[in-house]
């Protein structure tokens, strides 16, 4: 495969991203299903055992990796929108509290005179 990231690296990256949450065996099973390969084959690729991958395997791994990256992009965009909304709410809340504080300060000045 003439891509920057090899199919082996794609599969490994997908397994690594799932491994901490669900463990190695479950991560291998999940990635195998996504790549439409057997768990045994996914495990062999994970360990670097096959000398070469079949073209159809590379295509399926690349497709699963692309789908995973698309999902991550959507999740990141949703997270970004949430953070932006929180910042805007905080900014609006902060501006409102500053206006209230200015009003209280003016009242205190008026009362003191």
N, C-alpha and C. Protein backbone atom coordinates (compact mmCIF):
# COMPACT_ATOMS: atom_id res chain seq x y z
N UNK A 1 0.85 -1.17 0.00
CA UNK A 1 0.00 0.00 0.00
C UNK A 1 0.89 1.23 0.00
N UNK A 2 0.61 2.18 -0.86
CA UNK A 2 1.45 3.36 -1.02
C UNK A 2 0.96 4.53 -0.17
N UNK A 3 0.39 4.28 0.97
CA UNK A 3 -0.07 5.37 1.81
C UNK A 3 0.98 5.69 2.85
N UNK A 4 0.81 6.82 3.49
CA UNK A 4 1.73 7.24 4.53
C UNK A 4 1.65 6.30 5.73
N UNK A 5 0.45 5.87 6.05
CA UNK A 5 0.24 4.96 7.17
C UNK A 5 -0.02 3.57 6.60
N UNK A 6 0.74 2.59 7.05
CA UNK A 6 0.53 1.23 6.55
C UNK A 6 -0.72 0.63 7.17
N UNK A 7 -1.23 -0.40 6.52
CA UNK A 7 -2.42 -1.09 7.02
C UNK A 7 -2.15 -1.68 8.41
N UNK A 8 -0.97 -2.19 8.61
CA UNK A 8 -0.60 -2.72 9.93
C UNK A 8 -0.69 -1.65 10.99
N UNK A 9 -0.15 -0.46 10.67
CA UNK A 9 -0.19 0.64 11.63
C UNK A 9 -1.61 1.11 11.89
N UNK A 10 -2.45 1.10 10.86
CA UNK A 10 -3.85 1.48 11.03
C UNK A 10 -4.53 0.53 12.00
N UNK A 11 -4.34 -0.77 11.76
CA UNK A 11 -4.96 -1.77 12.64
C UNK A 11 -4.43 -1.61 14.06
N UNK A 12 -3.15 -1.46 14.21
CA UNK A 12 -2.56 -1.30 15.55
C UNK A 12 -3.10 -0.07 16.25
N UNK A 13 -3.22 1.03 15.52
CA UNK A 13 -3.73 2.26 16.12
C UNK A 13 -5.17 2.09 16.61
N UNK A 14 -5.99 1.39 15.82
CA UNK A 14 -7.37 1.15 16.24
C UNK A 14 -7.42 0.29 17.49
N UNK A 15 -6.58 -0.74 17.53
CA UNK A 15 -6.54 -1.62 18.72
C UNK A 15 -6.08 -0.83 19.93
N UNK A 16 -5.03 -0.04 19.77
CA UNK A 16 -4.49 0.73 20.89
C UNK A 16 -5.54 1.70 21.43
N UNK A 17 -6.31 2.33 20.54
CA UNK A 17 -7.30 3.30 21.01
C UNK A 17 -8.42 2.63 21.82
N UNK A 18 -8.70 1.36 21.54
CA UNK A 18 -9.75 0.64 22.28
C UNK A 18 -9.20 -0.13 23.49
N UNK A 19 -7.92 -0.42 23.46
CA UNK A 19 -7.32 -1.34 24.43
C UNK A 19 -7.50 -0.90 25.88
N UNK A 20 -7.31 0.36 26.19
CA UNK A 20 -7.40 0.80 27.58
C UNK A 20 -8.81 0.67 28.14
N UNK A 21 -9.81 0.91 27.31
CA UNK A 21 -11.19 0.83 27.80
C UNK A 21 -11.69 -0.60 27.92
N UNK A 22 -11.34 -1.46 26.96
CA UNK A 22 -11.97 -2.78 26.93
C UNK A 22 -10.99 -3.94 26.96
N UNK A 23 -9.71 -3.67 27.03
CA UNK A 23 -8.72 -4.74 27.07
C UNK A 23 -8.31 -5.18 25.69
N UNK A 24 -7.18 -5.85 25.62
CA UNK A 24 -6.60 -6.23 24.34
C UNK A 24 -7.48 -7.20 23.56
N UNK A 25 -7.95 -8.26 24.20
CA UNK A 25 -8.73 -9.26 23.47
C UNK A 25 -10.01 -8.68 22.89
N UNK A 26 -10.73 -7.90 23.68
CA UNK A 26 -11.97 -7.28 23.17
C UNK A 26 -11.66 -6.25 22.10
N UNK A 27 -10.56 -5.53 22.26
CA UNK A 27 -10.17 -4.55 21.24
C UNK A 27 -9.85 -5.26 19.93
N UNK A 28 -9.13 -6.37 20.01
CA UNK A 28 -8.84 -7.14 18.79
C UNK A 28 -10.12 -7.64 18.14
N UNK A 29 -11.07 -8.10 18.95
CA UNK A 29 -12.35 -8.57 18.41
C UNK A 29 -13.11 -7.45 17.72
N UNK A 30 -13.15 -6.28 18.36
CA UNK A 30 -13.87 -5.14 17.79
C UNK A 30 -13.24 -4.70 16.47
N UNK A 31 -11.92 -4.60 16.45
CA UNK A 31 -11.22 -4.17 15.25
C UNK A 31 -11.35 -5.22 14.15
N UNK A 32 -11.28 -6.48 14.52
CA UNK A 32 -11.45 -7.55 13.53
C UNK A 32 -12.81 -7.46 12.85
N UNK A 33 -13.86 -7.22 13.66
CA UNK A 33 -15.21 -7.07 13.08
C UNK A 33 -15.25 -5.87 12.14
N UNK A 34 -14.67 -4.75 12.57
CA UNK A 34 -14.70 -3.54 11.74
C UNK A 34 -13.93 -3.73 10.44
N UNK A 35 -12.85 -4.49 10.50
CA UNK A 35 -12.00 -4.71 9.32
C UNK A 35 -12.42 -5.92 8.50
N UNK A 36 -13.41 -6.65 8.97
CA UNK A 36 -13.90 -7.85 8.33
C UNK A 36 -12.75 -8.84 8.09
N UNK A 37 -12.02 -9.11 9.17
CA UNK A 37 -11.01 -10.16 9.19
C UNK A 37 -11.26 -11.01 10.43
N UNK A 38 -10.69 -12.17 10.48
CA UNK A 38 -10.86 -13.01 11.67
C UNK A 38 -10.07 -12.41 12.84
N UNK A 39 -10.48 -12.76 14.03
CA UNK A 39 -9.76 -12.30 15.21
C UNK A 39 -8.35 -12.85 15.18
N UNK A 40 -8.21 -14.08 14.72
CA UNK A 40 -6.89 -14.70 14.62
C UNK A 40 -5.99 -13.90 13.67
N UNK A 41 -6.56 -13.47 12.54
CA UNK A 41 -5.78 -12.69 11.57
C UNK A 41 -5.44 -11.31 12.15
N UNK A 42 -6.40 -10.68 12.82
CA UNK A 42 -6.14 -9.38 13.44
C UNK A 42 -5.04 -9.49 14.49
N UNK A 43 -5.08 -10.56 15.27
CA UNK A 43 -4.04 -10.78 16.29
C UNK A 43 -2.68 -10.97 15.63
N UNK A 44 -2.64 -11.72 14.53
CA UNK A 44 -1.38 -11.95 13.82
C UNK A 44 -0.84 -10.64 13.27
N UNK A 45 -1.71 -9.81 12.71
CA UNK A 45 -1.27 -8.51 12.20
C UNK A 45 -0.79 -7.63 13.35
N UNK A 46 -1.51 -7.67 14.47
CA UNK A 46 -1.13 -6.91 15.67
C UNK A 46 0.30 -7.27 16.09
N UNK A 47 0.61 -8.55 16.04
CA UNK A 47 1.94 -9.01 16.45
C UNK A 47 2.97 -8.91 15.33
N UNK A 48 2.56 -8.49 14.14
CA UNK A 48 3.49 -8.33 13.02
C UNK A 48 3.93 -9.63 12.38
N UNK A 49 3.11 -10.66 12.50
CA UNK A 49 3.49 -11.98 12.00
C UNK A 49 3.41 -12.13 10.48
N UNK A 50 2.32 -11.71 9.83
CA UNK A 50 2.28 -11.95 8.37
C UNK A 50 3.31 -11.08 7.65
N UNK A 51 3.98 -11.68 6.68
CA UNK A 51 4.98 -10.93 5.92
C UNK A 51 4.31 -9.95 4.97
N UNK A 52 3.12 -10.29 4.54
CA UNK A 52 2.38 -9.38 3.66
C UNK A 52 0.89 -9.52 3.93
N UNK A 53 0.17 -8.47 3.60
CA UNK A 53 -1.28 -8.49 3.71
C UNK A 53 -1.86 -8.55 2.31
N UNK A 54 -2.99 -9.20 2.18
CA UNK A 54 -3.67 -9.27 0.90
C UNK A 54 -4.25 -7.90 0.58
N UNK A 55 -4.39 -7.61 -0.70
CA UNK A 55 -4.91 -6.31 -1.14
C UNK A 55 -6.30 -6.05 -0.58
N UNK A 56 -7.16 -7.08 -0.58
CA UNK A 56 -8.51 -6.88 -0.05
C UNK A 56 -8.49 -6.63 1.46
N UNK A 57 -7.55 -7.23 2.17
CA UNK A 57 -7.40 -6.94 3.61
C UNK A 57 -6.98 -5.49 3.82
N UNK A 58 -6.02 -5.05 3.03
CA UNK A 58 -5.57 -3.66 3.15
C UNK A 58 -6.70 -2.69 2.89
N UNK A 59 -7.53 -2.99 1.89
CA UNK A 59 -8.67 -2.11 1.58
C UNK A 59 -9.67 -2.08 2.72
N UNK A 60 -9.97 -3.24 3.30
CA UNK A 60 -10.94 -3.30 4.40
C UNK A 60 -10.40 -2.61 5.64
N UNK A 61 -9.11 -2.79 5.93
CA UNK A 61 -8.50 -2.13 7.08
C UNK A 61 -8.52 -0.61 6.87
N UNK A 62 -8.17 -0.17 5.66
CA UNK A 62 -8.18 1.26 5.35
C UNK A 62 -9.59 1.84 5.47
N UNK A 63 -10.59 1.09 5.01
CA UNK A 63 -11.98 1.56 5.10
C UNK A 63 -12.42 1.66 6.56
N UNK A 64 -12.06 0.68 7.38
CA UNK A 64 -12.41 0.71 8.80
C UNK A 64 -11.69 1.87 9.50
N UNK A 65 -10.44 2.09 9.15
CA UNK A 65 -9.66 3.17 9.73
C UNK A 65 -10.27 4.52 9.34
N UNK A 66 -10.64 4.66 8.08
CA UNK A 66 -11.26 5.91 7.63
C UNK A 66 -12.57 6.16 8.37
N UNK A 67 -13.37 5.11 8.53
CA UNK A 67 -14.63 5.26 9.26
C UNK A 67 -14.37 5.67 10.70
N UNK A 68 -13.34 5.09 11.31
CA UNK A 68 -12.98 5.44 12.69
C UNK A 68 -12.54 6.90 12.78
N UNK A 69 -11.74 7.35 11.81
CA UNK A 69 -11.27 8.74 11.80
C UNK A 69 -12.44 9.71 11.59
N UNK A 70 -13.39 9.33 10.73
CA UNK A 70 -14.58 10.16 10.51
C UNK A 70 -15.38 10.28 11.82
N UNK A 71 -15.53 9.16 12.52
CA UNK A 71 -16.25 9.16 13.78
C UNK A 71 -15.54 10.05 14.80
N UNK A 72 -14.22 9.94 14.87
CA UNK A 72 -13.46 10.78 15.79
C UNK A 72 -13.60 12.26 15.45
N UNK A 73 -13.61 12.59 14.16
CA UNK A 73 -13.79 13.98 13.74
C UNK A 73 -15.16 14.49 14.18
N UNK A 74 -16.20 13.68 14.02
CA UNK A 74 -17.54 14.10 14.45
C UNK A 74 -17.59 14.31 15.95
N UNK A 75 -16.96 13.41 16.70
CA UNK A 75 -16.94 13.55 18.15
C UNK A 75 -16.16 14.80 18.57
N UNK A 76 -15.05 15.06 17.90
CA UNK A 76 -14.26 16.25 18.22
C UNK A 76 -15.02 17.53 17.87
N UNK A 77 -15.72 17.52 16.74
CA UNK A 77 -16.51 18.69 16.36
C UNK A 77 -17.65 18.93 17.34
N UNK A 78 -18.27 17.86 17.80
CA UNK A 78 -19.33 17.99 18.80
C UNK A 78 -18.76 18.53 20.11
N UNK A 79 -17.62 18.02 20.51
CA UNK A 79 -16.95 18.50 21.73
C UNK A 79 -16.57 19.97 21.60
N UNK A 80 -16.06 20.33 20.42
CA UNK A 80 -15.69 21.72 20.17
C UNK A 80 -16.90 22.64 20.26
N UNK A 81 -18.02 22.22 19.69
CA UNK A 81 -19.24 23.02 19.75
C UNK A 81 -19.71 23.17 21.20
N UNK A 82 -19.61 22.10 21.98
CA UNK A 82 -20.00 22.15 23.38
C UNK A 82 -19.12 23.12 24.16
N UNK A 83 -17.82 23.05 23.94
CA UNK A 83 -16.89 23.96 24.63
C UNK A 83 -17.16 25.40 24.21
N UNK A 84 -17.39 25.62 22.92
CA UNK A 84 -17.69 26.96 22.43
C UNK A 84 -18.96 27.50 23.09
N UNK A 85 -19.99 26.67 23.18
CA UNK A 85 -21.24 27.09 23.81
C UNK A 85 -21.04 27.42 25.28
N UNK A 86 -20.25 26.61 25.96
CA UNK A 86 -19.97 26.89 27.37
C UNK A 86 -19.21 28.19 27.55
N UNK A 87 -18.24 28.43 26.67
CA UNK A 87 -17.49 29.69 26.74
C UNK A 87 -18.39 30.89 26.48
N UNK A 88 -19.27 30.75 25.49
CA UNK A 88 -20.21 31.83 25.20
C UNK A 88 -21.14 32.07 26.38
N UNK A 89 -21.62 30.99 27.00
CA UNK A 89 -22.49 31.14 28.17
C UNK A 89 -21.73 31.79 29.32
N UNK A 90 -20.49 31.38 29.49
CA UNK A 90 -19.68 31.98 30.54
C UNK A 90 -19.41 33.45 30.25
N UNK A 91 -19.14 33.75 29.01
CA UNK A 91 -18.89 35.13 28.60
C UNK A 91 -20.14 35.98 28.83
N UNK A 92 -21.30 35.45 28.45
CA UNK A 92 -22.56 36.16 28.67
C UNK A 92 -22.85 36.32 30.16
N UNK A 93 -22.58 35.28 30.91
CA UNK A 93 -22.79 35.32 32.36
C UNK A 93 -21.83 36.31 33.00
N UNK A 94 -20.61 36.32 32.53
CA UNK A 94 -19.59 37.22 33.07
C UNK A 94 -19.94 38.68 32.75
N UNK A 95 -20.40 38.95 31.51
CA UNK A 95 -20.79 40.30 31.14
C UNK A 95 -22.00 40.75 31.94
N UNK A 96 -22.94 39.85 32.17
CA UNK A 96 -24.12 40.18 32.97
C UNK A 96 -23.75 40.49 34.41
N UNK A 97 -22.84 39.70 34.97
CA UNK A 97 -22.43 39.93 36.36
C UNK A 97 -21.62 41.20 36.47
N UNK A 98 -20.85 41.54 35.43
CA UNK A 98 -20.08 42.79 35.45
C UNK A 98 -21.02 43.98 35.40
N UNK A 99 -22.07 43.91 34.58
CA UNK A 99 -23.05 45.00 34.52
C UNK A 99 -23.76 45.16 35.85
N UNK A 100 -24.10 44.04 36.49
CA UNK A 100 -24.74 44.08 37.80
C UNK A 100 -23.79 44.69 38.82
N UNK A 101 -22.54 44.31 38.77
CA UNK A 101 -21.55 44.85 39.71
C UNK A 101 -21.37 46.34 39.50
N UNK A 102 -21.37 46.81 38.25
CA UNK A 102 -21.26 48.25 37.99
C UNK A 102 -22.47 48.99 38.53
N UNK A 103 -23.64 48.38 38.35
CA UNK A 103 -24.87 49.01 38.87
C UNK A 103 -24.85 49.11 40.38
N UNK A 104 -24.40 48.08 41.07
CA UNK A 104 -24.30 48.08 42.53
C UNK A 104 -23.28 49.13 42.96
N UNK A 105 -22.19 49.22 42.26
CA UNK A 105 -21.16 50.21 42.61
C UNK A 105 -21.71 51.62 42.46
N UNK A 106 -22.49 51.89 41.42
CA UNK A 106 -23.09 53.22 41.23
C UNK A 106 -24.07 53.52 42.34
N UNK A 107 -24.85 52.55 42.73
CA UNK A 107 -25.82 52.76 43.81
C UNK A 107 -25.10 53.10 45.11
N UNK A 108 -23.98 52.40 45.37
CA UNK A 108 -23.21 52.66 46.58
C UNK A 108 -22.63 54.07 46.56
N UNK A 109 -22.20 54.53 45.38
CA UNK A 109 -21.66 55.89 45.26
C UNK A 109 -22.76 56.89 45.49
N UNK A 110 -23.95 56.65 44.90
CA UNK A 110 -25.08 57.57 45.06
C UNK A 110 -25.51 57.65 46.51
N UNK A 111 -25.53 56.54 47.21
CA UNK A 111 -25.93 56.50 48.61
C UNK A 111 -24.93 57.22 49.50
N UNK A 112 -23.68 57.15 49.15
CA UNK A 112 -22.64 57.75 49.97
C UNK A 112 -22.66 59.25 49.86
N UNK A 113 -23.16 59.81 48.80
CA UNK A 113 -23.14 61.27 48.61
C UNK A 113 -24.24 61.94 49.31
